[in-house]
PDB file of N, CA and C in Angstrom:
ATOM      1  N   MET A   1     -18.823  93.581  12.272  1.00  0.00           N
ATOM      2  CA  MET A   1     -18.350  93.018  11.023  1.00  0.00           C
ATOM      3  C   MET A   1     -17.921  91.569  11.286  1.00  0.00           C
ATOM      4  N   THR A   2     -18.306  90.668  10.403  1.00  0.00           N
ATOM      5  CA  THR A   2     -17.951  89.262  10.582  1.00  0.00           C
ATOM      6  C   THR A   2     -16.493  89.021  10.197  1.00  0.00           C
ATOM      7  N   ARG A   3     -15.981  87.881  10.615  1.00  0.00           N
ATOM      8  CA  ARG A   3     -14.610  87.494  10.254  1.00  0.00           C
ATOM      9  C   ARG A   3     -14.473  87.420   8.729  1.00  0.00           C
ATOM     10  N   LEU A   4     -15.496  86.922   8.057  1.00  0.00           N
ATOM     11  CA  LEU A   4     -15.473  86.803   6.599  1.00  0.00           C
ATOM     12  C   LEU A   4     -15.435  88.181   5.939  1.00  0.00           C
ATOM     13  N   GLU A   5     -16.267  89.101   6.401  1.00  0.00           N
ATOM     14  CA  GLU A   5     -16.284  90.459   5.846  1.00  0.00           C
ATOM     15  C   GLU A   5     -14.957  91.178   6.101  1.00  0.00           C
ATOM     16  N   LEU A   6     -14.439  91.031   7.311  1.00  0.00           N
ATOM     17  CA  LEU A   6     -13.174  91.668   7.652  1.00  0.00           C
ATOM     18  C   LEU A   6     -12.030  91.101   6.811  1.00  0.00           C
ATOM     19  N   GLY A   7     -12.020  89.788   6.644  1.00  0.00           N
ATOM     20  CA  GLY A   7     -10.995  89.155   5.808  1.00  0.00           C
ATOM     21  C   GLY A   7     -11.053  89.637   4.374  1.00  0.00           C
ATOM     22  N   THR A   8     -12.259  89.739   3.836  1.00  0.00           N
ATOM     23  CA  THR A   8     -12.434  90.220   2.469  1.00  0.00           C
ATOM     24  C   THR A   8     -11.886  91.638   2.323  1.00  0.00           C
ATOM     25  N   GLN A   9     -12.217  92.477   3.266  1.00  0.00           N
ATOM     26  CA  GLN A   9     -11.748  93.866   3.242  1.00  0.00           C
ATOM     27  C   GLN A   9     -10.219  93.931   3.337  1.00  0.00           C
ATOM     28  N   ASN A  10      -9.628  93.173   4.257  1.00  0.00           N
ATOM     29  CA  ASN A  10      -8.185  93.226   4.450  1.00  0.00           C
ATOM     30  C   ASN A  10      -7.410  92.575   3.304  1.00  0.00           C
ATOM     31  N   ILE A  11      -7.953  91.511   2.716  1.00  0.00           N
ATOM     32  CA  ILE A  11      -7.315  90.911   1.542  1.00  0.00           C
ATOM     33  C   ILE A  11      -7.278  91.925   0.406  1.00  0.00           C
ATOM     34  N   THR A  12      -8.384  92.605   0.189  1.00  0.00           N
ATOM     35  CA  THR A  12      -8.439  93.624  -0.867  1.00  0.00           C
ATOM     36  C   THR A  12      -7.374  94.691  -0.641  1.00  0.00           C
ATOM     37  N   GLN A  13      -7.253  95.175   0.584  1.00  0.00           N
ATOM     38  CA  GLN A  13      -6.246  96.193   0.903  1.00  0.00           C
ATOM     39  C   GLN A  13      -4.828  95.660   0.711  1.00  0.00           C
ATOM     40  N   ASP A  14      -4.566  94.447   1.182  1.00  0.00           N
ATOM     41  CA  ASP A  14      -3.230  93.859   1.039  1.00  0.00           C
ATOM     42  C   ASP A  14      -2.848  93.681  -0.426  1.00  0.00           C
ATOM     43  N   LEU A  15      -3.803  93.253  -1.251  1.00  0.00           N
ATOM     44  CA  LEU A  15      -3.523  93.052  -2.678  1.00  0.00           C
ATOM     45  C   LEU A  15      -3.266  94.377  -3.388  1.00  0.00           C
ATOM     46  N   LYS A  16      -4.035  95.402  -3.059  1.00  0.00           N
ATOM     47  CA  LYS A  16      -3.820  96.715  -3.668  1.00  0.00           C
ATOM     48  C   LYS A  16      -2.443  97.258  -3.312  1.00  0.00           C
ATOM     49  N   LYS A  17      -2.019  97.003  -2.079  1.00  0.00           N
ATOM     50  CA  LYS A  17      -0.706  97.457  -1.623  1.00  0.00           C
ATOM     51  C   LYS A  17       0.416  96.659  -2.308  1.00  0.00           C
ATOM     52  N   ALA A  18       0.233  95.354  -2.430  1.00  0.00           N
ATOM     53  CA  ALA A  18       1.267  94.487  -3.001  1.00  0.00           C
ATOM     54  C   ALA A  18       1.350  94.603  -4.522  1.00  0.00           C
ATOM     55  N   PHE A  19       0.214  94.853  -5.171  1.00  0.00           N
ATOM     56  CA  PHE A  19       0.169  94.879  -6.637  1.00  0.00           C
ATOM     57  C   PHE A  19      -0.600  96.104  -7.129  1.00  0.00           C
ATOM     58  N   PRO A  20      -0.037  97.290  -6.937  1.00  0.00           N
ATOM     59  CA  PRO A  20      -0.746  98.502  -7.376  1.00  0.00           C
ATOM     60  C   PRO A  20      -0.994  98.457  -8.885  1.00  0.00           C
ATOM     61  N   GLY A  21      -2.166  98.903  -9.272  1.00  0.00           N
ATOM     62  CA  GLY A  21      -2.507  98.941 -10.688  1.00  0.00           C
ATOM     63  C   GLY A  21      -3.183  97.680 -11.194  1.00  0.00           C
ATOM     64  N   CYS A  22      -3.185  96.616 -10.416  1.00  0.00           N
ATOM     65  CA  CYS A  22      -3.858  95.376 -10.815  1.00  0.00           C
ATOM     66  C   CYS A  22      -5.236  95.352 -10.161  1.00  0.00           C
ATOM     67  N   ASP A  23      -6.251  95.054 -10.954  1.00  0.00           N
ATOM     68  CA  ASP A  23      -7.616  94.989 -10.423  1.00  0.00           C
ATOM     69  C   ASP A  23      -7.936  93.577  -9.951  1.00  0.00           C
ATOM     70  N   PHE A  24      -8.365  93.472  -8.715  1.00  0.00           N
ATOM     71  CA  PHE A  24      -8.755  92.192  -8.125  1.00  0.00           C
ATOM     72  C   PHE A  24     -10.237  92.229  -7.797  1.00  0.00           C
ATOM     73  N   THR A  25     -10.871  91.085  -7.924  1.00  0.00           N
ATOM     74  CA  THR A  25     -12.228  90.895  -7.439  1.00  0.00           C
ATOM     75  C   THR A  25     -12.127  89.923  -6.275  1.00  0.00           C
ATOM     76  N   VAL A  26     -12.625  90.328  -5.120  1.00  0.00           N
ATOM     77  CA  VAL A  26     -12.547  89.511  -3.912  1.00  0.00           C
ATOM     78  C   VAL A  26     -13.974  89.259  -3.443  1.00  0.00           C
ATOM     79  N   ILE A  27     -14.382  87.982  -3.461  1.00  0.00           N
ATOM     80  CA  ILE A  27     -15.775  87.628  -3.200  1.00  0.00           C
ATOM     81  C   ILE A  27     -15.880  86.674  -2.007  1.00  0.00           C
ATOM     82  N   PRO A  28     -16.582  87.096  -0.952  1.00  0.00           N
ATOM     83  CA  PRO A  28     -16.811  86.202   0.181  1.00  0.00           C
ATOM     84  C   PRO A  28     -18.031  85.317  -0.067  1.00  0.00           C
ATOM     85  N   THR A  29     -17.946  84.061   0.373  1.00  0.00           N
ATOM     86  CA  THR A  29     -19.064  83.137   0.210  1.00  0.00           C
ATOM     87  C   THR A  29     -19.196  82.269   1.454  1.00  0.00           C
ATOM     88  N   ILE A  30     -20.407  82.147   1.959  1.00  0.00           N
ATOM     89  CA  ILE A  30     -20.685  81.250   3.081  1.00  0.00           C
ATOM     90  C   ILE A  30     -21.159  79.924   2.495  1.00  0.00           C
ATOM     91  N   LEU A  31     -20.452  78.836   2.828  1.00  0.00           N
ATOM     92  CA  LEU A  31     -20.813  77.516   2.321  1.00  0.00           C
ATOM     93  C   LEU A  31     -21.845  76.842   3.215  1.00  0.00           C
ATOM     94  N   ASP A  32     -21.639  76.908   4.511  1.00  0.00           N
ATOM     95  CA  ASP A  32     -22.606  76.414   5.492  1.00  0.00           C
ATOM     96  C   ASP A  32     -22.284  77.077   6.829  1.00  0.00           C
ATOM     97  N   SER A  33     -22.843  76.584   7.902  1.00  0.00           N
ATOM     98  CA  SER A  33     -22.676  77.263   9.193  1.00  0.00           C
ATOM     99  C   SER A  33     -21.230  77.230   9.703  1.00  0.00           C
ATOM    100  N   GLN A  34     -20.406  76.327   9.169  1.00  0.00           N
ATOM    101  CA  GLN A  34     -19.032  76.219   9.652  1.00  0.00           C
ATOM    102  C   GLN A  34     -17.974  76.507   8.596  1.00  0.00           C
ATOM    103  N   LYS A  35     -18.349  76.620   7.347  1.00  0.00           N
ATOM    104  CA  LYS A  35     -17.366  76.793   6.283  1.00  0.00           C
ATOM    105  C   LYS A  35     -17.675  78.024   5.431  1.00  0.00           C
ATOM    106  N   SER A  36     -16.593  78.699   5.047  1.00  0.00           N
ATOM    107  CA  SER A  36     -16.715  79.851   4.163  1.00  0.00           C
ATOM    108  C   SER A  36     -15.487  79.895   3.267  1.00  0.00           C
ATOM    109  N   PHE A  37     -15.587  80.651   2.176  1.00  0.00           N
ATOM    110  CA  PHE A  37     -14.385  80.857   1.388  1.00  0.00           C
ATOM    111  C   PHE A  37     -14.374  82.268   0.845  1.00  0.00           C
ATOM    112  N   ILE A  38     -13.164  82.709   0.546  1.00  0.00           N
ATOM    113  CA  ILE A  38     -12.968  83.997  -0.106  1.00  0.00           C
ATOM    114  C   ILE A  38     -12.309  83.703  -1.440  1.00  0.00           C
ATOM    115  N   GLY A  39     -12.998  84.075  -2.515  1.00  0.00           N
ATOM    116  CA  GLY A  39     -12.462  83.910  -3.857  1.00  0.00           C
ATOM    117  C   GLY A  39     -11.746  85.175  -4.286  1.00  0.00           C
ATOM    118  N   VAL A  40     -10.540  85.005  -4.824  1.00  0.00           N
ATOM    119  CA  VAL A  40      -9.735  86.127  -5.301  1.00  0.00           C
ATOM    120  C   VAL A  40      -9.468  85.895  -6.784  1.00  0.00           C
ATOM    121  N   TYR A  41      -9.921  86.826  -7.619  1.00  0.00           N
ATOM    122  CA  TYR A  41      -9.809  86.688  -9.065  1.00  0.00           C
ATOM    123  C   TYR A  41      -9.170  87.940  -9.641  1.00  0.00           C
ATOM    124  N   TRP A  42      -8.380  87.773 -10.708  1.00  0.00           N
ATOM    125  CA  TRP A  42      -7.750  88.922 -11.344  1.00  0.00           C
ATOM    126  C   TRP A  42      -7.390  88.577 -12.777  1.00  0.00           C
ATOM    127  N   MET A  43      -7.252  89.634 -13.562  1.00  0.00           N
ATOM    128  CA  MET A  43      -6.802  89.489 -14.946  1.00  0.00           C
ATOM    129  C   MET A  43      -5.303  89.229 -14.909  1.00  0.00           C
ATOM    130  N   PRO A  44      -4.735  88.683 -15.966  1.00  0.00           N
ATOM    131  CA  PRO A  44      -3.296  88.411 -15.964  1.00  0.00           C
ATOM    132  C   PRO A  44      -2.495  89.601 -15.446  1.00  0.00           C
ATOM    133  N   GLY A  45      -1.562  89.281 -14.618  1.00  0.00           N
ATOM    134  CA  GLY A  45      -0.709  90.267 -13.958  1.00  0.00           C
ATOM    135  C   GLY A  45       0.229  89.501 -13.050  1.00  0.00           C
ATOM    136  N   PRO A  46       0.054  89.623 -11.736  1.00  0.00           N
ATOM    137  CA  PRO A  46       0.918  88.882 -10.824  1.00  0.00           C
ATOM    138  C   PRO A  46       0.668  87.377 -10.937  1.00  0.00           C
ATOM    139  N   SER A  47       1.688  86.601 -10.606  1.00  0.00           N
ATOM    140  CA  SER A  47       1.566  85.145 -10.678  1.00  0.00           C
ATOM    141  C   SER A  47       0.656  84.616  -9.570  1.00  0.00           C
ATOM    142  N   LEU A  48       0.138  83.433  -9.794  1.00  0.00           N
ATOM    143  CA  LEU A  48      -0.685  82.769  -8.791  1.00  0.00           C
ATOM    144  C   LEU A  48       0.107  82.590  -7.499  1.00  0.00           C
ATOM    145  N   LYS A  49       1.357  82.215  -7.620  1.00  0.00           N
ATOM    146  CA  LYS A  49       2.215  82.014  -6.447  1.00  0.00           C
ATOM    147  C   LYS A  49       2.381  83.309  -5.654  1.00  0.00           C
ATOM    148  N   ALA A  50       2.567  84.428  -6.360  1.00  0.00           N
ATOM    149  CA  ALA A  50       2.742  85.722  -5.683  1.00  0.00           C
ATOM    150  C   ALA A  50       1.473  86.141  -4.944  1.00  0.00           C
ATOM    151  N   VAL A  51       0.319  85.930  -5.560  1.00  0.00           N
ATOM    152  CA  VAL A  51      -0.954  86.276  -4.917  1.00  0.00           C
ATOM    153  C   VAL A  51      -1.209  85.347  -3.735  1.00  0.00           C
ATOM    154  N   ASP A  52      -0.962  84.056  -3.916  1.00  0.00           N
ATOM    155  CA  ASP A  52      -1.146  83.103  -2.813  1.00  0.00           C
ATOM    156  C   ASP A  52      -0.304  83.487  -1.596  1.00  0.00           C
ATOM    157  N   LYS A  53       0.892  83.984  -1.844  1.00  0.00           N
ATOM    158  CA  LYS A  53       1.781  84.386  -0.745  1.00  0.00           C
ATOM    159  C   LYS A  53       1.155  85.510   0.090  1.00  0.00           C
ATOM    160  N   VAL A  54       0.433  86.411  -0.572  1.00  0.00           N
ATOM    161  CA  VAL A  54      -0.205  87.532   0.125  1.00  0.00           C
ATOM    162  C   VAL A  54      -1.440  87.081   0.894  1.00  0.00           C
ATOM    163  N   VAL A  55      -2.225  86.185   0.314  1.00  0.00           N
ATOM    164  CA  VAL A  55      -3.537  85.869   0.894  1.00  0.00           C
ATOM    165  C   VAL A  55      -3.583  84.604   1.746  1.00  0.00           C
ATOM    166  N   ALA A  56      -2.576  83.766   1.689  1.00  0.00           N
ATOM    167  CA  ALA A  56      -2.616  82.472   2.392  1.00  0.00           C
ATOM    168  C   ALA A  56      -2.827  82.621   3.893  1.00  0.00           C
ATOM    169  N   LYS A  57      -2.327  83.696   4.470  1.00  0.00           N
ATOM    170  CA  LYS A  57      -2.439  83.890   5.925  1.00  0.00           C
ATOM    171  C   LYS A  57      -3.889  84.063   6.382  1.00  0.00           C
ATOM    172  N   TYR A  58      -4.809  84.285   5.446  1.00  0.00           N
ATOM    173  CA  TYR A  58      -6.220  84.474   5.797  1.00  0.00           C
ATOM    174  C   TYR A  58      -6.998  83.157   5.882  1.00  0.00           C
ATOM    175  N   ALA A  59      -6.352  82.029   5.522  1.00  0.00           N
ATOM    176  CA  ALA A  59      -6.995  80.719   5.670  1.00  0.00           C
ATOM    177  C   ALA A  59      -6.931  80.319   7.142  1.00  0.00           C
ATOM    178  N   LEU A  60      -8.024  79.839   7.686  1.00  0.00           N
ATOM    179  CA  LEU A  60      -8.111  79.525   9.103  1.00  0.00           C
ATOM    180  C   LEU A  60      -7.546  78.150   9.451  1.00  0.00           C
ATOM    181  N   GLY A  61      -7.040  77.435   8.468  1.00  0.00           N
ATOM    182  CA  GLY A  61      -6.466  76.118   8.663  1.00  0.00           C
ATOM    183  C   GLY A  61      -6.202  75.478   7.313  1.00  0.00           C
ATOM    184  N   VAL A  62      -6.096  74.149   7.299  1.00  0.00           N
ATOM    185  CA  VAL A  62      -5.844  73.424   6.047  1.00  0.00           C
ATOM    186  C   VAL A  62      -6.673  72.141   6.015  1.00  0.00           C
ATOM    187  N   TRP A  63      -6.988  71.701   4.804  1.00  0.00           N
ATOM    188  CA  TRP A  63      -7.698  70.442   4.627  1.00  0.00           C
ATOM    189  C   TRP A  63      -6.678  69.312   4.720  1.00  0.00           C
ATOM    190  N   ASN A  64      -6.970  68.301   5.534  1.00  0.00           N
ATOM    191  CA  ASN A  64      -6.100  67.153   5.702  1.00  0.00           C
ATOM    192  C   ASN A  64      -6.649  66.015   4.847  1.00  0.00           C
ATOM    193  N   ASP A  65      -5.964  65.683   3.751  1.00  0.00           N
ATOM    194  CA  ASP A  65      -6.438  64.634   2.843  1.00  0.00           C
ATOM    195  C   ASP A  65      -6.446  63.246   3.483  1.00  0.00           C
ATOM    196  N   LYS A  66      -5.539  63.002   4.402  1.00  0.00           N
ATOM    197  CA  LYS A  66      -5.463  61.678   5.026  1.00  0.00           C
ATOM    198  C   LYS A  66      -6.653  61.407   5.930  1.00  0.00           C
ATOM    199  N   THR A  67      -7.011  62.386   6.744  1.00  0.00           N
ATOM    200  CA  THR A  67      -8.112  62.195   7.684  1.00  0.00           C
ATOM    201  C   THR A  67      -9.437  62.725   7.137  1.00  0.00           C
ATOM    202  N   GLU A  68      -9.376  63.444   6.023  1.00  0.00           N
ATOM    203  CA  GLU A  68     -10.538  64.079   5.413  1.00  0.00           C
ATOM    204  C   GLU A  68     -11.267  64.983   6.392  1.00  0.00           C
ATOM    205  N   VAL A  69     -10.469  65.757   7.130  1.00  0.00           N
ATOM    206  CA  VAL A  69     -10.976  66.707   8.117  1.00  0.00           C
ATOM    207  C   VAL A  69     -10.229  68.018   7.930  1.00  0.00           C
ATOM    208  N   TYR A  70     -10.940  69.112   8.137  1.00  0.00           N
ATOM    209  CA  TYR A  70     -10.304  70.424   8.088  1.00  0.00           C
ATOM    210  C   TYR A  70      -9.625  70.664   9.429  1.00  0.00           C
ATOM    211  N   ASP A  71      -8.330  70.907   9.406  1.00  0.00           N
ATOM    212  CA  ASP A  71      -7.562  71.159  10.627  1.00  0.00           C
ATOM    213  C   ASP A  71      -7.437  72.661  10.848  1.00  0.00           C
ATOM    214  N   TYR A  72      -8.152  73.162  11.843  1.00  0.00           N
ATOM    215  CA  TYR A  72      -8.050  74.577  12.185  1.00  0.00           C
ATOM    216  C   TYR A  72      -6.753  74.810  12.950  1.00  0.00           C
ATOM    217  N   SER A  73      -6.105  75.913  12.652  1.00  0.00           N
ATOM    218  CA  SER A  73      -4.854  76.279  13.306  1.00  0.00           C
ATOM    219  C   SER A  73      -5.142  77.329  14.378  1.00  0.00           C
ATOM    220  N   PRO A  74      -4.697  77.108  15.620  1.00  0.00           N
ATOM    221  CA  PRO A  74      -4.923  78.121  16.665  1.00  0.00           C
ATOM    222  C   PRO A  74      -4.323  79.483  16.293  1.00  0.00           C
ATOM    223  N   GLU A  75      -3.153  79.462  15.669  1.00  0.00           N
ATOM    224  CA  GLU A  75      -2.528  80.723  15.248  1.00  0.00           C
ATOM    225  C   GLU A  75      -3.365  81.418  14.179  1.00  0.00           C
ATOM    226  N   ALA A  76      -3.886  80.627  13.235  1.00  0.00           N
ATOM    227  CA  ALA A  76      -4.704  81.201  12.163  1.00  0.00           C
ATOM    228  C   ALA A  76      -6.032  81.730  12.716  1.00  0.00           C
ATOM    229  N   ILE A  77      -6.594  81.049  13.693  1.00  0.00           N
ATOM    230  CA  ILE A  77      -7.832  81.521  14.319  1.00  0.00           C
ATOM    231  C   ILE A  77      -7.575  82.852  15.017  1.00  0.00           C
ATOM    232  N   ALA A  78      -6.458  82.953  15.738  1.00  0.00           N
ATOM    233  CA  ALA A  78      -6.113  84.213  16.415  1.00  0.00           C
ATOM    234  C   ALA A  78      -5.919  85.329  15.392  1.00  0.00           C
ATOM    235  N   PHE A  79      -5.234  85.037  14.287  1.00  0.00           N
ATOM    236  CA  PHE A  79      -5.059  86.019  13.222  1.00  0.00           C
ATOM    237  C   PHE A  79      -6.418  86.402  12.642  1.00  0.00           C
ATOM    238  N   GLY A  80      -7.279  85.402  12.416  1.00  0.00           N
ATOM    239  CA  GLY A  80      -8.603  85.648  11.859  1.00  0.00           C
ATOM    240  C   GLY A  80      -9.475  86.503  12.754  1.00  0.00           C
ATOM    241  N   ASP A  81      -9.327  86.346  14.063  1.00  0.00           N
ATOM    242  CA  ASP A  81     -10.095  87.172  14.989  1.00  0.00           C
ATOM    243  C   ASP A  81      -9.700  88.640  14.877  1.00  0.00           C
ATOM    244  N   GLU A  82      -8.438  88.884  14.540  1.00  0.00           N
ATOM    245  CA  GLU A  82      -7.945  90.257  14.425  1.00  0.00           C
ATOM    246  C   GLU A  82      -8.096  90.834  13.016  1.00  0.00           C
ATOM    247  N   ARG A  83      -7.747  90.046  12.000  1.00  0.00           N
ATOM    248  CA  ARG A  83      -7.696  90.557  10.627  1.00  0.00           C
ATOM    249  C   ARG A  83      -8.738  89.940   9.699  1.00  0.00           C
ATOM    250  N   GLY A  84      -9.465  88.936  10.186  1.00  0.00           N
ATOM    251  CA  GLY A  84     -10.471  88.288   9.361  1.00  0.00           C
ATOM    252  C   GLY A  84      -9.908  87.082   8.632  1.00  0.00           C
ATOM    253  N   GLY A  85     -10.789  86.331   7.994  1.00  0.00           N
ATOM    254  CA  GLY A  85     -10.352  85.158   7.249  1.00  0.00           C
ATOM    255  C   GLY A  85     -11.530  84.281   6.873  1.00  0.00           C
ATOM    256  N   ALA A  86     -11.192  83.125   6.302  1.00  0.00           N
ATOM    257  CA  ALA A  86     -12.201  82.166   5.863  1.00  0.00           C
ATOM    258  C   ALA A  86     -11.617  80.762   5.947  1.00  0.00           C
ATOM    259  N   THR A  87     -12.482  79.775   5.871  1.00  0.00           N
ATOM    260  CA  THR A  87     -12.036  78.395   5.893  1.00  0.00           C
ATOM    261  C   THR A  87     -11.119  78.114   4.705  1.00  0.00           C
ATOM    262  N   PHE A  88     -11.519  78.579   3.535  1.00  0.00           N
ATOM    263  CA  PHE A  88     -10.740  78.357   2.319  1.00  0.00           C
ATOM    264  C   PHE A  88     -10.500  79.697   1.613  1.00  0.00           C
ATOM    265  N   ILE A  89      -9.348  79.815   0.984  1.00  0.00           N
ATOM    266  CA  ILE A  89      -9.035  80.959   0.130  1.00  0.00           C
ATOM    267  C   ILE A  89      -8.778  80.400  -1.265  1.00  0.00           C
ATOM    268  N   TRP A  90      -9.534  80.870  -2.235  1.00  0.00           N
ATOM    269  CA  TRP A  90      -9.441  80.389  -3.615  1.00  0.00           C
ATOM    270  C   TRP A  90      -8.858  81.516  -4.466  1.00  0.00           C
ATOM    271  N   THR A  91      -7.796  81.226  -5.217  1.00  0.00           N
ATOM    272  CA  THR A  91      -7.203  82.243  -6.083  1.00  0.00           C
ATOM    273  C   THR A  91      -7.173  81.726  -7.523  1.00  0.00           C
ATOM    274  N   LYS A  92      -7.499  82.638  -8.472  1.00  0.00           N
ATOM    275  CA  LYS A  92      -7.551  82.223  -9.878  1.00  0.00           C
ATOM    276  C   LYS A  92      -7.481  83.455 -10.779  1.00  0.00           C
ATOM    277  N   THR A  93      -6.653  83.344 -11.810  1.00  0.00           N
ATOM    278  CA  THR A  93      -6.657  84.403 -12.828  1.00  0.00           C
ATOM    279  C   THR A  93      -7.840  84.156 -13.761  1.00  0.00           C
ATOM    280  N   ILE A  94      -8.397  85.247 -14.305  1.00  0.00           N
ATOM    281  CA  ILE A  94      -9.526  85.105 -15.225  1.00  0.00           C
ATOM    282  C   ILE A  94      -9.212  85.700 -16.573  1.00  0.00           C
TER     283      ILE A  94
END
């Protein structure tokens, strides 16, 4: 199982545990050979901030606006190797 697939699976489980009764759609997408994202979508229910708190740990780093480079975090990479993840995590209510 790839890091992206594992992250998608674990995000889905974490969201179901944190927000029982709320339906989430979690979609993995490969952007290119080095970048991927996991989109998390749901109908009105939990706040964007609450969902971000659950899923943020699955991002493998952060985009640095000053240098215009994605900064990978060693801690996030280690977490991603165990629990999965993606370059970007996108959350949005629909």
